[in-house]
């Protein structure tokens, strides 16, 4: 098993590994609670790859997630 400390590198390498050899895995080690939320996005990517095949376009999954996070950031803060 290989530990990767950068989240972006972990996502990129794990998707590449899934496409090449789905029986192998990588490990990501963190002590940050915010990384648990990022795991949901990664799970959605893997669900897409499992449902549509390893050659599926995952840009629509990542784009949708970015739009949702931007929409939820609105309205935060003090109202005037």
PDB file of N, CA and C in Angstrom:
ATOM      1  N   UNK A   1       0.835  -1.184   0.000  1.00  0.00           N
ATOM      2  CA  UNK A   1       0.000   0.000   0.000  1.00  0.00           C
ATOM      3  C   UNK A   1       0.884   1.252   0.000  1.00  0.00           C
ATOM      4  N   UNK A   2       0.396   2.265  -0.668  1.00  0.00           N
ATOM      5  CA  UNK A   2       1.125   3.521  -0.770  1.00  0.00           C
ATOM      6  C   UNK A   2       0.304   4.618  -0.106  1.00  0.00           C
ATOM      7  N   UNK A   3       0.928   5.399   0.773  1.00  0.00           N
ATOM      8  CA  UNK A   3       0.259   6.550   1.376  1.00  0.00           C
ATOM      9  C   UNK A   3       0.583   7.794   0.561  1.00  0.00           C
ATOM     10  N   UNK A   4      -0.433   8.577   0.278  1.00  0.00           N
ATOM     11  CA  UNK A   4      -0.261   9.831  -0.447  1.00  0.00           C
ATOM     12  C   UNK A   4      -0.756  10.945   0.456  1.00  0.00           C
ATOM     13  N   UNK A   5      -0.008  12.032   0.562  1.00  0.00           N
ATOM     14  CA  UNK A   5      -0.366  13.096   1.502  1.00  0.00           C
ATOM     15  C   UNK A   5      -1.103  14.261   0.854  1.00  0.00           C
ATOM     16  N   UNK A   6      -1.034  14.419  -0.450  1.00  0.00           N
ATOM     17  CA  UNK A   6      -1.735  15.498  -1.143  1.00  0.00           C
ATOM     18  C   UNK A   6      -3.078  14.982  -1.656  1.00  0.00           C
ATOM     19  N   UNK A   7      -4.174  15.668  -1.294  1.00  0.00           N
ATOM     20  CA  UNK A   7      -5.508  15.207  -1.698  1.00  0.00           C
ATOM     21  C   UNK A   7      -5.670  15.215  -3.214  1.00  0.00           C
ATOM     22  N   UNK A   8      -5.245  16.280  -3.881  1.00  0.00           N
ATOM     23  CA  UNK A   8      -5.401  16.368  -5.336  1.00  0.00           C
ATOM     24  C   UNK A   8      -4.630  15.258  -6.044  1.00  0.00           C
ATOM     25  N   UNK A   9      -3.425  15.003  -5.576  1.00  0.00           N
ATOM     26  CA  UNK A   9      -2.630  13.924  -6.162  1.00  0.00           C
ATOM     27  C   UNK A   9      -3.293  12.569  -5.899  1.00  0.00           C
ATOM     28  N   UNK A  10      -3.855  12.405  -4.713  1.00  0.00           N
ATOM     29  CA  UNK A  10      -4.540  11.158  -4.381  1.00  0.00           C
ATOM     30  C   UNK A  10      -5.728  10.912  -5.304  1.00  0.00           C
ATOM     31  N   UNK A  11      -6.532  11.930  -5.534  1.00  0.00           N
ATOM     32  CA  UNK A  11      -7.697  11.780  -6.414  1.00  0.00           C
ATOM     33  C   UNK A  11      -7.245  11.419  -7.823  1.00  0.00           C
ATOM     34  N   UNK A  12      -6.277  12.144  -8.336  1.00  0.00           N
ATOM     35  CA  UNK A  12      -5.799  11.903  -9.697  1.00  0.00           C
ATOM     36  C   UNK A  12      -5.221  10.494  -9.846  1.00  0.00           C
ATOM     37  N   UNK A  13      -4.365  10.109  -8.918  1.00  0.00           N
ATOM     38  CA  UNK A  13      -3.721   8.797  -9.012  1.00  0.00           C
ATOM     39  C   UNK A  13      -4.694   7.652  -8.754  1.00  0.00           C
ATOM     40  N   UNK A  14      -5.666   7.864  -7.869  1.00  0.00           N
ATOM     41  CA  UNK A  14      -6.624   6.789  -7.595  1.00  0.00           C
ATOM     42  C   UNK A  14      -7.556   6.559  -8.785  1.00  0.00           C
ATOM     43  N   UNK A  15      -7.940   7.622  -9.483  1.00  0.00           N
ATOM     44  CA  UNK A  15      -8.766   7.462 -10.686  1.00  0.00           C
ATOM     45  C   UNK A  15      -7.960   6.747 -11.774  1.00  0.00           C
ATOM     46  N   UNK A  16      -6.700   7.133 -11.940  1.00  0.00           N
ATOM     47  CA  UNK A  16      -5.848   6.459 -12.925  1.00  0.00           C
ATOM     48  C   UNK A  16      -5.679   4.982 -12.580  1.00  0.00           C
ATOM     49  N   UNK A  17      -5.476   4.700 -11.304  1.00  0.00           N
ATOM     50  CA  UNK A  17      -5.298   3.318 -10.875  1.00  0.00           C
ATOM     51  C   UNK A  17      -6.578   2.515 -11.061  1.00  0.00           C
ATOM     52  N   UNK A  18      -7.725   3.122 -10.775  1.00  0.00           N
ATOM     53  CA  UNK A  18      -8.999   2.425 -10.963  1.00  0.00           C
ATOM     54  C   UNK A  18      -9.203   2.055 -12.422  1.00  0.00           C
ATOM     55  N   UNK A  19      -8.844   2.966 -13.314  1.00  0.00           N
ATOM     56  CA  UNK A  19      -9.006   2.692 -14.744  1.00  0.00           C
ATOM     57  C   UNK A  19      -8.050   1.601 -15.213  1.00  0.00           C
ATOM     58  N   UNK A  20      -6.848   1.553 -14.642  1.00  0.00           N
ATOM     59  CA  UNK A  20      -5.851   0.576 -15.065  1.00  0.00           C
ATOM     60  C   UNK A  20      -6.016  -0.773 -14.363  1.00  0.00           C
ATOM     61  N   UNK A  21      -6.226  -0.752 -13.045  1.00  0.00           N
ATOM     62  CA  UNK A  21      -6.296  -1.986 -12.261  1.00  0.00           C
ATOM     63  C   UNK A  21      -7.224  -1.783 -11.067  1.00  0.00           C
ATOM     64  N   UNK A  22      -8.525  -2.045 -11.235  1.00  0.00           N
ATOM     65  CA  UNK A  22      -9.493  -1.764 -10.169  1.00  0.00           C
ATOM     66  C   UNK A  22      -9.321  -2.613  -8.911  1.00  0.00           C
ATOM     67  N   UNK A  23      -8.494  -3.645  -8.958  1.00  0.00           N
ATOM     68  CA  UNK A  23      -8.294  -4.486  -7.778  1.00  0.00           C
ATOM     69  C   UNK A  23      -7.226  -3.942  -6.836  1.00  0.00           C
ATOM     70  N   UNK A  24      -6.456  -2.958  -7.273  1.00  0.00           N
ATOM     71  CA  UNK A  24      -5.428  -2.347  -6.430  1.00  0.00           C
ATOM     72  C   UNK A  24      -5.983  -1.105  -5.756  1.00  0.00           C
ATOM     73  N   UNK A  25      -5.295  -0.635  -4.724  1.00  0.00           N
ATOM     74  CA  UNK A  25      -5.783   0.559  -4.031  1.00  0.00           C
ATOM     75  C   UNK A  25      -4.630   1.418  -3.534  1.00  0.00           C
ATOM     76  N   UNK A  26      -4.963   2.652  -3.218  1.00  0.00           N
ATOM     77  CA  UNK A  26      -4.048   3.603  -2.603  1.00  0.00           C
ATOM     78  C   UNK A  26      -4.649   4.028  -1.278  1.00  0.00           C
ATOM     79  N   UNK A  27      -3.806   4.528  -0.390  1.00  0.00           N
ATOM     80  CA  UNK A  27      -4.300   5.021   0.895  1.00  0.00           C
ATOM     81  C   UNK A  27      -3.985   6.502   1.018  1.00  0.00           C
ATOM     82  N   UNK A  28      -4.914   7.202   1.637  1.00  0.00           N
ATOM     83  CA  UNK A  28      -4.730   8.624   1.923  1.00  0.00           C
ATOM     84  C   UNK A  28      -4.826   8.798   3.425  1.00  0.00           C
ATOM     85  N   UNK A  29      -3.814   9.407   4.005  1.00  0.00           N
ATOM     86  CA  UNK A  29      -3.779   9.583   5.456  1.00  0.00           C
ATOM     87  C   UNK A  29      -3.902  11.064   5.778  1.00  0.00           C
ATOM     88  N   UNK A  30      -4.844  11.377   6.668  1.00  0.00           N
ATOM     89  CA  UNK A  30      -5.058  12.767   7.056  1.00  0.00           C
ATOM     90  C   UNK A  30      -5.580  12.832   8.478  1.00  0.00           C
ATOM     91  N   UNK A  31      -5.453  14.008   9.058  1.00  0.00           N
ATOM     92  CA  UNK A  31      -6.050  14.245  10.375  1.00  0.00           C
ATOM     93  C   UNK A  31      -7.031  15.419  10.306  1.00  0.00           C
ATOM     94  N   UNK A  32      -7.419  15.788   9.093  1.00  0.00           N
ATOM     95  CA  UNK A  32      -8.327  16.907   8.870  1.00  0.00           C
ATOM     96  C   UNK A  32      -9.753  16.403   8.649  1.00  0.00           C
ATOM     97  N   UNK A  33     -10.712  16.993   9.357  1.00  0.00           N
ATOM     98  CA  UNK A  33     -12.107  16.582   9.189  1.00  0.00           C
ATOM     99  C   UNK A  33     -12.686  17.067   7.862  1.00  0.00           C
ATOM    100  N   UNK A  34     -12.151  18.139   7.317  1.00  0.00           N
ATOM    101  CA  UNK A  34     -12.665  18.655   6.047  1.00  0.00           C
ATOM    102  C   UNK A  34     -12.404  17.682   4.897  1.00  0.00           C
ATOM    103  N   UNK A  35     -11.436  16.807   5.042  1.00  0.00           N
ATOM    104  CA  UNK A  35     -11.158  15.826   3.995  1.00  0.00           C
ATOM    105  C   UNK A  35     -12.263  14.782   3.892  1.00  0.00           C
ATOM    106  N   UNK A  36     -13.036  14.602   4.936  1.00  0.00           N
ATOM    107  CA  UNK A  36     -14.166  13.664   4.875  1.00  0.00           C
ATOM    108  C   UNK A  36     -15.206  14.138   3.867  1.00  0.00           C
ATOM    109  N   UNK A  37     -15.410  15.440   3.757  1.00  0.00           N
ATOM    110  CA  UNK A  37     -16.359  15.978   2.777  1.00  0.00           C
ATOM    111  C   UNK A  37     -15.840  15.781   1.354  1.00  0.00           C
ATOM    112  N   UNK A  38     -14.540  15.863   1.193  1.00  0.00           N
ATOM    113  CA  UNK A  38     -13.954  15.642  -0.124  1.00  0.00           C
ATOM    114  C   UNK A  38     -14.131  14.191  -0.560  1.00  0.00           C
ATOM    115  N   UNK A  39     -14.220  13.297   0.418  1.00  0.00           N
ATOM    116  CA  UNK A  39     -14.377  11.886   0.110  1.00  0.00           C
ATOM    117  C   UNK A  39     -15.703  11.610  -0.598  1.00  0.00           C
ATOM    118  N   UNK A  40     -16.734  12.384  -0.298  1.00  0.00           N
ATOM    119  CA  UNK A  40     -18.027  12.217  -0.974  1.00  0.00           C
ATOM    120  C   UNK A  40     -17.890  12.498  -2.470  1.00  0.00           C
ATOM    121  N   UNK A  41     -17.136  13.525  -2.814  1.00  0.00           N
ATOM    122  CA  UNK A  41     -16.903  13.851  -4.223  1.00  0.00           C
ATOM    123  C   UNK A  41     -16.154  12.711  -4.916  1.00  0.00           C
ATOM    124  N   UNK A  42     -15.157  12.165  -4.234  1.00  0.00           N
ATOM    125  CA  UNK A  42     -14.398  11.056  -4.805  1.00  0.00           C
ATOM    126  C   UNK A  42     -15.283   9.824  -4.984  1.00  0.00           C
ATOM    127  N   UNK A  43     -16.152   9.561  -4.024  1.00  0.00           N
ATOM    128  CA  UNK A  43     -17.082   8.436  -4.160  1.00  0.00           C
ATOM    129  C   UNK A  43     -17.984   8.610  -5.374  1.00  0.00           C
ATOM    130  N   UNK A  44     -18.455   9.825  -5.619  1.00  0.00           N
ATOM    131  CA  UNK A  44     -19.295  10.084  -6.793  1.00  0.00           C
ATOM    132  C   UNK A  44     -18.536   9.822  -8.089  1.00  0.00           C
ATOM    133  N   UNK A  45     -17.254  10.155  -8.106  1.00  0.00           N
ATOM    134  CA  UNK A  45     -16.427   9.876  -9.281  1.00  0.00           C
ATOM    135  C   UNK A  45     -16.345   8.373  -9.511  1.00  0.00           C
ATOM    136  N   UNK A  46     -16.102   7.623  -8.433  1.00  0.00           N
ATOM    137  CA  UNK A  46     -15.992   6.171  -8.579  1.00  0.00           C
ATOM    138  C   UNK A  46     -17.328   5.525  -8.943  1.00  0.00           C
ATOM    139  N   UNK A  47     -18.432   6.048  -8.421  1.00  0.00           N
ATOM    140  CA  UNK A  47     -19.747   5.533  -8.815  1.00  0.00           C
ATOM    141  C   UNK A  47     -19.963   5.723 -10.315  1.00  0.00           C
ATOM    142  N   UNK A  48     -19.557   6.876 -10.824  1.00  0.00           N
ATOM    143  CA  UNK A  48     -19.680   7.146 -12.255  1.00  0.00           C
ATOM    144  C   UNK A  48     -18.824   6.182 -13.066  1.00  0.00           C
ATOM    145  N   UNK A  49     -17.585   5.965 -12.630  1.00  0.00           N
ATOM    146  CA  UNK A  49     -16.693   5.056 -13.350  1.00  0.00           C
ATOM    147  C   UNK A  49     -17.203   3.617 -13.312  1.00  0.00           C
ATOM    148  N   UNK A  50     -17.772   3.209 -12.189  1.00  0.00           N
ATOM    149  CA  UNK A  50     -18.291   1.840 -12.096  1.00  0.00           C
ATOM    150  C   UNK A  50     -19.548   1.658 -12.943  1.00  0.00           C
ATOM    151  N   UNK A  51     -20.388   2.680 -12.996  1.00  0.00           N
ATOM    152  CA  UNK A  51     -21.646   2.567 -13.738  1.00  0.00           C
ATOM    153  C   UNK A  51     -21.450   2.709 -15.243  1.00  0.00           C
ATOM    154  N   UNK A  52     -20.577   3.620 -15.651  1.00  0.00           N
ATOM    155  CA  UNK A  52     -20.419   3.919 -17.081  1.00  0.00           C
ATOM    156  C   UNK A  52     -19.187   3.292 -17.704  1.00  0.00           C
ATOM    157  N   UNK A  53     -18.324   2.723 -16.897  1.00  0.00           N
ATOM    158  CA  UNK A  53     -17.111   2.104 -17.409  1.00  0.00           C
ATOM    159  C   UNK A  53     -15.905   2.985 -17.168  1.00  0.00           C
ATOM    160  N   UNK A  54     -14.720   2.401 -17.272  1.00  0.00           N
ATOM    161  CA  UNK A  54     -13.496   3.129 -16.946  1.00  0.00           C
ATOM    162  C   UNK A  54     -13.161   4.269 -17.908  1.00  0.00           C
ATOM    163  N   UNK A  55     -13.776   4.290 -19.084  1.00  0.00           N
ATOM    164  CA  UNK A  55     -13.502   5.358 -20.044  1.00  0.00           C
ATOM    165  C   UNK A  55     -14.505   6.501 -19.949  1.00  0.00           C
ATOM    166  N   UNK A  56     -15.347   6.501 -18.930  1.00  0.00           N
ATOM    167  CA  UNK A  56     -16.388   7.525 -18.778  1.00  0.00           C
ATOM    168  C   UNK A  56     -15.770   8.894 -18.506  1.00  0.00           C
ATOM    169  N   UNK A  57     -16.479   9.921 -18.944  1.00  0.00           N
ATOM    170  CA  UNK A  57     -16.058  11.303 -18.714  1.00  0.00           C
ATOM    171  C   UNK A  57     -16.506  11.724 -17.317  1.00  0.00           C
ATOM    172  N   UNK A  58     -15.551  12.028 -16.446  1.00  0.00           N
ATOM    173  CA  UNK A  58     -15.894  12.391 -15.068  1.00  0.00           C
ATOM    174  C   UNK A  58     -15.949  13.896 -14.868  1.00  0.00           C
ATOM    175  N   UNK A  59     -15.761  14.665 -15.935  1.00  0.00           N
ATOM    176  CA  UNK A  59     -15.773  16.124 -15.797  1.00  0.00           C
ATOM    177  C   UNK A  59     -17.146  16.635 -15.391  1.00  0.00           C
ATOM    178  N   UNK A  60     -18.216  15.961 -15.826  1.00  0.00           N
ATOM    179  CA  UNK A  60     -19.552  16.418 -15.440  1.00  0.00           C
ATOM    180  C   UNK A  60     -19.807  16.178 -13.953  1.00  0.00           C
ATOM    181  N   UNK A  61     -19.192  15.159 -13.376  1.00  0.00           N
ATOM    182  CA  UNK A  61     -19.345  14.897 -11.937  1.00  0.00           C
ATOM    183  C   UNK A  61     -18.620  15.967 -11.143  1.00  0.00           C
ATOM    184  N   UNK A  62     -17.392  16.286 -11.534  1.00  0.00           N
ATOM    185  CA  UNK A  62     -16.622  17.284 -10.804  1.00  0.00           C
ATOM    186  C   UNK A  62     -17.180  18.675 -11.032  1.00  0.00           C
ATOM    187  N   UNK A  63     -17.684  18.976 -12.218  1.00  0.00           N
ATOM    188  CA  UNK A  63     -18.273  20.286 -12.492  1.00  0.00           C
ATOM    189  C   UNK A  63     -19.529  20.525 -11.692  1.00  0.00           C
ATOM    190  N   UNK A  64     -20.361  19.503 -11.561  1.00  0.00           N
ATOM    191  CA  UNK A  64     -21.598  19.615 -10.796  1.00  0.00           C
ATOM    192  C   UNK A  64     -21.290  19.891  -9.331  1.00  0.00           C
ATOM    193  N   UNK A  65     -20.297  19.226  -8.791  1.00  0.00           N
ATOM    194  CA  UNK A  65     -19.922  19.421  -7.391  1.00  0.00           C
ATOM    195  C   UNK A  65     -19.438  20.847  -7.153  1.00  0.00           C
ATOM    196  N   UNK A  66     -18.664  21.385  -8.086  1.00  0.00           N
ATOM    197  CA  UNK A  66     -18.167  22.743  -7.926  1.00  0.00           C
ATOM    198  C   UNK A  66     -19.305  23.741  -7.960  1.00  0.00           C
ATOM    199  N   UNK A  67     -20.299  23.527  -8.818  1.00  0.00           N
ATOM    200  CA  UNK A  67     -21.436  24.440  -8.893  1.00  0.00           C
ATOM    201  C   UNK A  67     -22.255  24.388  -7.606  1.00  0.00           C
ATOM    202  N   UNK A  68     -22.414  23.201  -7.013  1.00  0.00           N
ATOM    203  CA  UNK A  68     -23.181  23.068  -5.782  1.00  0.00           C
ATOM    204  C   UNK A  68     -22.487  23.768  -4.625  1.00  0.00           C
ATOM    205  N   UNK A  69     -21.161  23.674  -4.550  1.00  0.00           N
ATOM    206  CA  UNK A  69     -20.454  24.318  -3.450  1.00  0.00           C
ATOM    207  C   UNK A  69     -20.497  25.834  -3.591  1.00  0.00           C
ATOM    208  N   UNK A  70     -20.472  26.336  -4.819  1.00  0.00           N
ATOM    209  CA  UNK A  70     -20.574  27.775  -5.014  1.00  0.00           C
ATOM    210  C   UNK A  70     -21.954  28.273  -4.611  1.00  0.00           C
ATOM    211  N   UNK A  71     -22.982  27.513  -4.900  1.00  0.00           N
ATOM    212  CA  UNK A  71     -24.345  27.914  -4.555  1.00  0.00           C
ATOM    213  C   UNK A  71     -24.561  27.912  -3.049  1.00  0.00           C
ATOM    214  N   UNK A  72     -23.932  27.000  -2.334  1.00  0.00           N
ATOM    215  CA  UNK A  72     -24.129  26.932  -0.887  1.00  0.00           C
ATOM    216  C   UNK A  72     -23.352  28.016  -0.159  1.00  0.00           C
ATOM    217  N   UNK A  73     -22.338  28.569  -0.761  1.00  0.00           N
ATOM    218  CA  UNK A  73     -21.560  29.614  -0.103  1.00  0.00           C
ATOM    219  C   UNK A  73     -22.309  30.941  -0.069  1.00  0.00           C
ATOM    220  N   UNK A  74     -23.259  31.118  -0.945  1.00  0.00           N
ATOM    221  CA  UNK A  74     -24.033  32.355  -0.954  1.00  0.00           C
ATOM    222  C   UNK A  74     -24.914  32.410   0.279  1.00  0.00           C
ATOM    223  N   UNK A  75     -25.124  33.597   0.761  1.00  0.00           N
ATOM    224  CA  UNK A  75     -26.024  33.769   1.886  1.00  0.00           C
ATOM    225  C   UNK A  75     -25.347  33.638   3.232  1.00  0.00           C
ATOM    226  N   UNK A  76     -24.086  33.274   3.247  1.00  0.00           N
ATOM    227  CA  UNK A  76     -23.380  33.197   4.513  1.00  0.00           C
ATOM    228  C   UNK A  76     -22.953  34.589   4.935  1.00  0.00           C
ATOM    229  N   UNK A  77     -22.829  34.766   6.184  1.00  0.00           N
ATOM    230  CA  UNK A  77     -22.385  36.057   6.687  1.00  0.00           C
ATOM    231  C   UNK A  77     -23.526  36.825   7.313  1.00  0.00           C
ATOM    232  N   UNK A  78     -23.227  38.010   7.704  1.00  0.00           N
ATOM    233  CA  UNK A  78     -24.193  38.837   8.411  1.00  0.00           C
ATOM    234  C   UNK A  78     -25.092  39.577   7.440  1.00  0.00           C
ATOM    235  N   UNK A  79     -26.386  39.569   7.713  1.00  0.00           N
ATOM    236  CA  UNK A  79     -27.328  40.295   6.861  1.00  0.00           C
ATOM    237  C   UNK A  79     -27.336  41.760   7.262  1.00  0.00           C
ATOM    238  N   UNK A  80     -27.500  42.609   6.279  1.00  0.00           N
ATOM    239  CA  UNK A  80     -27.504  44.047   6.562  1.00  0.00           C
ATOM    240  C   UNK A  80     -28.844  44.655   6.276  1.00  0.00           C
TER     241      UNK A  80
END
